[in-house]
Amino acid sequence: QVHLVESGGGSVQAGGSLRLSCAASGFTFDDSDMGWYRQVSGNECELVSTISPDGDTYYLDAVKGRFSISQDNAQNTVYLEMNSLKFEDTAVYYCVADLAAGGGWRTIVTCGSEIAFVHWGQGTLVTVAS
């Protein structure tokens, strides 16, 4: 019954901003690692950002300084603020929950991988016009 619902995707001009949201339910949000992947080719997904229950964060080098991940524990929601967007950021973005917090993240995975304790949202499309 884990459920992740992404929203906030859309089309923007290069240099613009978007904020993605992921509404989570069906698990102990405060005890889970949360992250965002994006589809880069075929069914391959690239890890963009993660946040741990204690607020520790990770960012893909290509988005450092431009993207910011945050969470609202009271609302069981994770956000990805994306600024200074580039054409290369165009992708479907997926919210991912890892209920085994602290276990680490793989940088490249098959989108939607069926991995124990890992749950995927349906994705939201971000399109950046150059």
C-alpha atoms as a PDB file:
ATOM      1  CA  GLN A   1       0.000   0.000   0.000  1.00  0.00           C
ATOM      2  CA  VAL A   2       2.973   2.313  -0.407  1.00  0.00           C
ATOM      3  CA  HIS A   3       1.876   5.148  -2.655  1.00  0.00           C
ATOM      4  CA  LEU A   4       3.944   7.956  -4.160  1.00  0.00           C
ATOM      5  CA  VAL A   5       2.325  10.622  -6.304  1.00  0.00           C
ATOM      6  CA  GLU A   6       4.486  13.124  -8.171  1.00  0.00           C
ATOM      7  CA  SER A   7       3.301  16.478  -9.407  1.00  0.00           C
ATOM      8  CA  GLY A   8       4.731  19.765 -10.594  1.00  0.00           C
ATOM      9  CA  GLY A   9       6.218  18.749 -13.911  1.00  0.00           C
ATOM     10  CA  GLY A  10       5.696  20.804 -17.012  1.00  0.00           C
ATOM     11  CA  SER A  11       7.380  22.763 -19.761  1.00  0.00           C
ATOM     12  CA  VAL A  12       9.716  25.663 -19.074  1.00  0.00           C
ATOM     13  CA  GLN A  13      12.280  27.741 -20.888  1.00  0.00           C
ATOM     14  CA  ALA A  14      15.963  27.202 -20.236  1.00  0.00           C
ATOM     15  CA  GLY A  15      16.933  29.137 -17.137  1.00  0.00           C
ATOM     16  CA  GLY A  16      13.511  28.730 -15.582  1.00  0.00           C
ATOM     17  CA  SER A  17      12.422  26.903 -12.449  1.00  0.00           C
ATOM     18  CA  LEU A  18      10.043  24.176 -11.371  1.00  0.00           C
ATOM     19  CA  ARG A  19       9.230  22.560  -8.049  1.00  0.00           C
ATOM     20  CA  LEU A  20       8.351  18.889  -8.061  1.00  0.00           C
ATOM     21  CA  SER A  21       6.310  17.400  -5.235  1.00  0.00           C
ATOM     22  CA  CYS A  22       5.971  13.819  -4.064  1.00  0.00           C
ATOM     23  CA  ALA A  23       3.084  13.000  -1.753  1.00  0.00           C
ATOM     24  CA  ALA A  24       3.798   9.812   0.175  1.00  0.00           C
ATOM     25  CA  SER A  25       1.556   7.438   2.067  1.00  0.00           C
ATOM     26  CA  GLY A  26       1.433   3.868   3.328  1.00  0.00           C
ATOM     27  CA  PHE A  27       4.767   3.750   5.161  1.00  0.00           C
ATOM     28  CA  THR A  28       6.723   5.401   7.935  1.00  0.00           C
ATOM     29  CA  PHE A  29       7.915   8.469   6.092  1.00  0.00           C
ATOM     30  CA  ASP A  30      10.159   9.716   8.897  1.00  0.00           C
ATOM     31  CA  ASP A  31      12.171   6.460   8.875  1.00  0.00           C
ATOM     32  CA  SER A  32      12.727   6.242   5.121  1.00  0.00           C
ATOM     33  CA  ASP A  33      15.226   7.618   2.633  1.00  0.00           C
ATOM     34  CA  MET A  34      13.607   9.554  -0.193  1.00  0.00           C
ATOM     35  CA  GLY A  35      15.016  10.404  -3.577  1.00  0.00           C
ATOM     36  CA  TRP A  36      14.469  11.443  -7.148  1.00  0.00           C
ATOM     37  CA  TYR A  37      15.585   9.616 -10.278  1.00  0.00           C
ATOM     38  CA  ARG A  38      15.245  10.754 -13.859  1.00  0.00           C
ATOM     39  CA  GLN A  39      15.009   8.699 -17.013  1.00  0.00           C
ATOM     40  CA  VAL A  40      18.039   9.320 -19.221  1.00  0.00           C
ATOM     41  CA  SER A  41      17.716   6.721 -21.979  1.00  0.00           C
ATOM     42  CA  GLY A  42      15.667   3.657 -22.682  1.00  0.00           C
ATOM     43  CA  ASN A  43      14.542   2.457 -19.293  1.00  0.00           C
ATOM     44  CA  GLU A  44      17.699   3.652 -17.546  1.00  0.00           C
ATOM     45  CA  CYS A  45      17.300   6.008 -14.601  1.00  0.00           C
ATOM     46  CA  GLU A  46      19.902   8.306 -13.086  1.00  0.00           C
ATOM     47  CA  LEU A  47      19.915   9.283  -9.423  1.00  0.00           C
ATOM     48  CA  VAL A  48      19.361  13.024  -9.090  1.00  0.00           C
ATOM     49  CA  SER A  49      19.044  13.649  -5.367  1.00  0.00           C
ATOM     50  CA  THR A  50      18.330  11.954  -2.044  1.00  0.00           C
ATOM     51  CA  ILE A  51      17.480  12.984   1.489  1.00  0.00           C
ATOM     52  CA  SER A  52      17.736  10.907   4.650  1.00  0.00           C
ATOM     53  CA  PRO A  53      15.539  11.073   7.754  1.00  0.00           C
ATOM     54  CA  ASP A  54      18.169  13.235   9.476  1.00  0.00           C
ATOM     55  CA  GLY A  55      18.318  15.627   6.526  1.00  0.00           C
ATOM     56  CA  ASP A  56      21.540  14.412   4.914  1.00  0.00           C
ATOM     57  CA  THR A  57      21.406  15.109   1.177  1.00  0.00           C
ATOM     58  CA  TYR A  58      23.026  13.945  -2.030  1.00  0.00           C
ATOM     59  CA  TYR A  59      23.063  15.617  -5.442  1.00  0.00           C
ATOM     60  CA  LEU A  60      24.158  14.468  -8.847  1.00  0.00           C
ATOM     61  CA  ASP A  61      27.166  16.559  -9.869  1.00  0.00           C
ATOM     62  CA  ALA A  62      25.309  17.894 -12.900  1.00  0.00           C
ATOM     63  CA  VAL A  63      22.604  19.482 -10.733  1.00  0.00           C
ATOM     64  CA  LYS A  64      24.632  20.703  -7.753  1.00  0.00           C
ATOM     65  CA  GLY A  65      23.968  24.341  -7.022  1.00  0.00           C
ATOM     66  CA  ARG A  66      20.803  24.311  -9.125  1.00  0.00           C
ATOM     67  CA  PHE A  67      18.531  21.729  -7.480  1.00  0.00           C
ATOM     68  CA  SER A  68      17.484  21.474  -3.856  1.00  0.00           C
ATOM     69  CA  ILE A  69      15.706  18.580  -2.153  1.00  0.00           C
ATOM     70  CA  SER A  70      13.611  19.061   0.961  1.00  0.00           C
ATOM     71  CA  GLN A  71      10.926  17.292   2.949  1.00  0.00           C
ATOM     72  CA  ASP A  72       7.920  18.217   5.029  1.00  0.00           C
ATOM     73  CA  ASN A  73       7.463  15.443   7.553  1.00  0.00           C
ATOM     74  CA  ALA A  74       4.142  16.797   8.765  1.00  0.00           C
ATOM     75  CA  GLN A  75       2.737  16.491   5.247  1.00  0.00           C
ATOM     76  CA  ASN A  76       4.667  13.350   4.192  1.00  0.00           C
ATOM     77  CA  THR A  77       5.891  15.227   1.154  1.00  0.00           C
ATOM     78  CA  VAL A  78       9.264  15.488  -0.583  1.00  0.00           C
ATOM     79  CA  TYR A  79      10.122  18.342  -2.909  1.00  0.00           C
ATOM     80  CA  LEU A  80      12.695  18.929  -5.602  1.00  0.00           C
ATOM     81  CA  GLU A  81      13.252  22.592  -6.359  1.00  0.00           C
ATOM     82  CA  MET A  82      14.878  22.925  -9.768  1.00  0.00           C
ATOM     83  CA  ASN A  83      16.437  26.218 -10.788  1.00  0.00           C
ATOM     84  CA  SER A  84      18.453  27.372 -13.788  1.00  0.00           C
ATOM     85  CA  LEU A  85      17.025  24.504 -15.781  1.00  0.00           C
ATOM     86  CA  LYS A  86      18.877  23.282 -18.854  1.00  0.00           C
ATOM     87  CA  PHE A  87      17.748  21.346 -21.900  1.00  0.00           C
ATOM     88  CA  GLU A  88      19.733  18.397 -20.533  1.00  0.00           C
ATOM     89  CA  ASP A  89      17.416  18.273 -17.513  1.00  0.00           C
ATOM     90  CA  THR A  90      14.516  17.225 -19.726  1.00  0.00           C
ATOM     91  CA  ALA A  91      13.296  13.865 -18.460  1.00  0.00           C
ATOM     92  CA  VAL A  92      10.617  11.987 -16.615  1.00  0.00           C
ATOM     93  CA  TYR A  93      11.360  12.443 -12.921  1.00  0.00           C
ATOM     94  CA  TYR A  94      10.455   9.689 -10.457  1.00  0.00           C
ATOM     95  CA  CYS A  95      10.001   9.918  -6.717  1.00  0.00           C
ATOM     96  CA  VAL A  96      11.483   6.901  -4.941  1.00  0.00           C
ATOM     97  CA  ALA A  97      11.164   5.725  -1.351  1.00  0.00           C
ATOM     98  CA  ASP A  98      13.690   3.381   0.240  1.00  0.00           C
ATOM     99  CA  LEU A  99      12.160   1.964   3.379  1.00  0.00           C
ATOM    100  CA  ALA A 100      15.542   0.480   4.354  1.00  0.00           C
ATOM    101  CA  ALA A 101      17.010   3.826   5.319  1.00  0.00           C
ATOM    102  CA  GLY A 102      20.776   4.071   5.330  1.00  0.00           C
ATOM    103  CA  GLY A 103      21.333   1.254   2.862  1.00  0.00           C
ATOM    104  CA  GLY A 104      22.724   3.482   0.126  1.00  0.00           C
ATOM    105  CA  TRP A 105      21.610   4.315  -3.394  1.00  0.00           C
ATOM    106  CA  ARG A 106      22.634   3.086  -6.821  1.00  0.00           C
ATOM    107  CA  THR A 107      23.462   5.899  -9.214  1.00  0.00           C
ATOM    108  CA  ILE A 108      22.165   4.111 -12.309  1.00  0.00           C
ATOM    109  CA  VAL A 109      19.225   1.719 -12.209  1.00  0.00           C
ATOM    110  CA  THR A 110      16.450   0.412 -14.396  1.00  0.00           C
ATOM    111  CA  CYS A 111      13.506   2.760 -14.015  1.00  0.00           C
ATOM    112  CA  GLY A 112      10.865   1.177 -11.852  1.00  0.00           C
ATOM    113  CA  SER A 113      13.173  -1.589 -10.624  1.00  0.00           C
ATOM    114  CA  GLU A 114      11.423  -4.064  -8.356  1.00  0.00           C
ATOM    115  CA  ILE A 115      13.824  -4.000  -5.432  1.00  0.00           C
ATOM    116  CA  ALA A 116      13.000  -5.007  -1.892  1.00  0.00           C
ATOM    117  CA  PHE A 117      11.951  -2.041   0.245  1.00  0.00           C
ATOM    118  CA  VAL A 118      12.127   0.344  -2.747  1.00  0.00           C
ATOM    119  CA  HIS A 119       8.991   1.947  -4.161  1.00  0.00           C
ATOM    120  CA  TRP A 120       8.519   4.141  -7.214  1.00  0.00           C
ATOM    121  CA  GLY A 121       6.024   6.790  -8.172  1.00  0.00           C
ATOM    122  CA  GLN A 122       4.580   7.023 -11.660  1.00  0.00           C
ATOM    123  CA  GLY A 123       6.774   9.930 -12.717  1.00  0.00           C
ATOM    124  CA  THR A 124       6.223  13.475 -13.865  1.00  0.00           C
ATOM    125  CA  LEU A 125       7.564  14.912 -17.112  1.00  0.00           C
ATOM    126  CA  VAL A 126       9.862  17.927 -17.134  1.00  0.00           C
ATOM    127  CA  THR A 127      10.541  19.507 -20.508  1.00  0.00           C
ATOM    128  CA  VAL A 128      13.060  22.318 -20.850  1.00  0.00           C
ATOM    129  CA  ALA A 129      13.133  24.282 -24.080  1.00  0.00           C
ATOM    130  CA  SER A 130      16.530  25.544 -25.166  1.00  0.00           C
END
